[in-house]
C-alpha atoms as a PDB file:
ATOM      1  CA  MET A   1     -55.362-129.425  27.391  1.00  0.00           C
ATOM      2  CA  SER A   2     -53.893-129.382  23.892  1.00  0.00           C
ATOM      3  CA  TYR A   3     -50.212-129.464  23.144  1.00  0.00           C
ATOM      4  CA  GLN A   4     -48.466-128.086  20.104  1.00  0.00           C
ATOM      5  CA  LEU A   5     -44.905-128.911  19.303  1.00  0.00           C
ATOM      6  CA  ILE A   6     -42.425-126.966  17.267  1.00  0.00           C
ATOM      7  CA  PHE A   7     -39.501-129.019  16.097  1.00  0.00           C
ATOM      8  CA  LEU A   8     -36.423-126.971  15.312  1.00  0.00           C
ATOM      9  CA  MET A   9     -33.538-128.887  13.895  1.00  0.00           C
ATOM     10  CA  ILE A  10     -30.354-127.189  14.999  1.00  0.00           C
ATOM     11  CA  TYR A  11     -28.071-127.047  11.994  1.00  0.00           C
ATOM     12  CA  PHE A  12     -26.711-123.562  12.465  1.00  0.00           C
ATOM     13  CA  PHE A  13     -24.102-122.063  14.745  1.00  0.00           C
ATOM     14  CA  ARG A  14     -25.154-118.420  14.992  1.00  0.00           C
ATOM     15  CA  VAL A  15     -28.719-118.120  16.106  1.00  0.00           C
ATOM     16  CA  SER A  16     -31.070-115.351  17.099  1.00  0.00           C
ATOM     17  CA  VAL A  17     -34.799-115.293  17.655  1.00  0.00           C
ATOM     18  CA  GLY A  18     -35.174-113.384  14.392  1.00  0.00           C
ATOM     19  CA  SER A  19     -33.090-115.889  12.418  1.00  0.00           C
ATOM     20  CA  ILE A  20     -35.145-118.781  13.826  1.00  0.00           C
ATOM     21  CA  GLU A  21     -38.388-117.065  12.944  1.00  0.00           C
ATOM     22  CA  ARG A  22     -37.282-116.315   9.373  1.00  0.00           C
ATOM     23  CA  ARG A  23     -36.504-119.999   8.770  1.00  0.00           C
ATOM     24  CA  LEU A  24     -39.890-121.299   9.897  1.00  0.00           C
ATOM     25  CA  PRO A  25     -42.801-122.002   7.554  1.00  0.00           C
ATOM     26  CA  GLU A  26     -45.698-119.603   8.103  1.00  0.00           C
ATOM     27  CA  ALA A  27     -47.909-122.140   9.926  1.00  0.00           C
ATOM     28  CA  THR A  28     -45.087-123.033  12.313  1.00  0.00           C
ATOM     29  CA  ARG A  29     -44.225-119.363  12.788  1.00  0.00           C
ATOM     30  CA  LYS A  30     -47.726-118.733  14.170  1.00  0.00           C
ATOM     31  CA  ILE A  31     -47.127-121.389  16.852  1.00  0.00           C
ATOM     32  CA  TRP A  32     -43.583-120.083  17.495  1.00  0.00           C
ATOM     33  CA  ASN A  33     -44.953-116.602  18.097  1.00  0.00           C
ATOM     34  CA  LYS A  34     -47.136-118.009  20.898  1.00  0.00           C
ATOM     35  CA  ARG A  35     -44.227-119.636  22.756  1.00  0.00           C
ATOM     36  CA  GLY A  36     -44.619-117.235  25.687  1.00  0.00           C
ATOM     37  CA  GLU A  37     -48.159-118.535  26.250  1.00  0.00           C
ATOM     38  CA  LYS A  38     -47.025-122.159  26.656  1.00  0.00           C
ATOM     39  CA  GLU A  39     -46.108-123.700  29.995  1.00  0.00           C
ATOM     40  CA  PHE A  40     -43.030-125.456  28.608  1.00  0.00           C
ATOM     41  CA  VAL A  41     -40.739-125.316  25.613  1.00  0.00           C
ATOM     42  CA  ILE A  42     -38.922-128.573  24.917  1.00  0.00           C
ATOM     43  CA  LEU A  43     -35.678-128.374  22.947  1.00  0.00           C
ATOM     44  CA  MET A  44     -34.369-131.311  20.969  1.00  0.00           C
ATOM     45  CA  ASP A  45     -31.938-132.100  18.217  1.00  0.00           C
ATOM     46  CA  GLU A  46     -30.998-135.303  16.478  1.00  0.00           C
ATOM     47  CA  SER A  47     -29.000-137.002  19.207  1.00  0.00           C
ATOM     48  CA  THR A  48     -27.715-134.813  22.064  1.00  0.00           C
ATOM     49  CA  GLU A  49     -27.590-136.485  25.453  1.00  0.00           C
ATOM     50  CA  ILE A  50     -28.143-134.169  28.416  1.00  0.00           C
ATOM     51  CA  ALA A  51     -24.855-135.307  29.961  1.00  0.00           C
ATOM     52  CA  ASP A  52     -23.010-134.052  26.843  1.00  0.00           C
ATOM     53  CA  ILE A  53     -24.438-130.524  26.861  1.00  0.00           C
ATOM     54  CA  THR A  54     -21.849-127.808  27.462  1.00  0.00           C
ATOM     55  CA  PRO A  55     -22.174-124.010  27.418  1.00  0.00           C
ATOM     56  CA  GLU A  56     -20.800-124.108  23.855  1.00  0.00           C
ATOM     57  CA  SER A  57     -23.308-126.701  22.597  1.00  0.00           C
ATOM     58  CA  ARG A  58     -25.624-125.465  19.864  1.00  0.00           C
ATOM     59  CA  ILE A  59     -28.677-126.651  21.765  1.00  0.00           C
ATOM     60  CA  GLN A  60     -27.512-124.814  24.902  1.00  0.00           C
ATOM     61  CA  ARG A  61     -26.943-121.655  22.871  1.00  0.00           C
ATOM     62  CA  LEU A  62     -30.461-121.976  21.458  1.00  0.00           C
ATOM     63  CA  LYS A  63     -31.825-122.269  25.002  1.00  0.00           C
ATOM     64  CA  ASP A  64     -29.861-119.184  26.036  1.00  0.00           C
ATOM     65  CA  VAL A  65     -31.177-117.216  23.072  1.00  0.00           C
ATOM     66  CA  ILE A  66     -34.859-117.991  23.619  1.00  0.00           C
ATOM     67  CA  PHE A  67     -34.794-117.888  27.415  1.00  0.00           C
ATOM     68  CA  THR A  68     -32.272-115.184  28.272  1.00  0.00           C
ATOM     69  CA  PHE A  69     -31.961-112.936  25.242  1.00  0.00           C
ATOM     70  CA  ASP A  70     -35.412-113.121  23.605  1.00  0.00           C
ATOM     71  CA  SER A  71     -36.792-109.588  23.615  1.00  0.00           C
ATOM     72  CA  TYR A  72     -39.934-110.647  21.718  1.00  0.00           C
ATOM     73  CA  SER A  73     -41.363-113.118  24.219  1.00  0.00           C
ATOM     74  CA  SER A  74     -40.896-114.170  27.851  1.00  0.00           C
ATOM     75  CA  LEU A  75     -41.180-117.871  28.538  1.00  0.00           C
ATOM     76  CA  LYS A  76     -43.121-119.033  31.588  1.00  0.00           C
ATOM     77  CA  ASN A  77     -40.507-121.645  32.469  1.00  0.00           C
ATOM     78  CA  GLU A  78     -36.930-122.398  31.526  1.00  0.00           C
ATOM     79  CA  PRO A  79     -36.796-124.563  28.365  1.00  0.00           C
ATOM     80  CA  LEU A  80     -36.163-128.256  28.889  1.00  0.00           C
ATOM     81  CA  PHE A  81     -34.007-130.647  26.850  1.00  0.00           C
ATOM     82  CA  LEU A  82     -35.261-133.923  25.401  1.00  0.00           C
ATOM     83  CA  ASP A  83     -32.531-136.397  26.277  1.00  0.00           C
ATOM     84  CA  GLY A  84     -31.182-138.292  23.287  1.00  0.00           C
ATOM     85  CA  GLY A  85     -32.823-136.164  20.593  1.00  0.00           C
END
């Protein structure tokens, strides 16, 4: 089984699937567009601890966007957070 990772640094407050896609290099965009085929999507930033995540956290909003509001792709499982970035 091969694994491909997409690292998205979360430096922005307002996010949509389209705005994420536009910011990705073409090679990464091809992987991003296959996110619905992957078993898991792991979200990380520079330093967020799981215990510190709130509904207003940027990383939580990113999860909401790609899991709940993504009309382009349906994920197989709810995205997971990497504790500590």
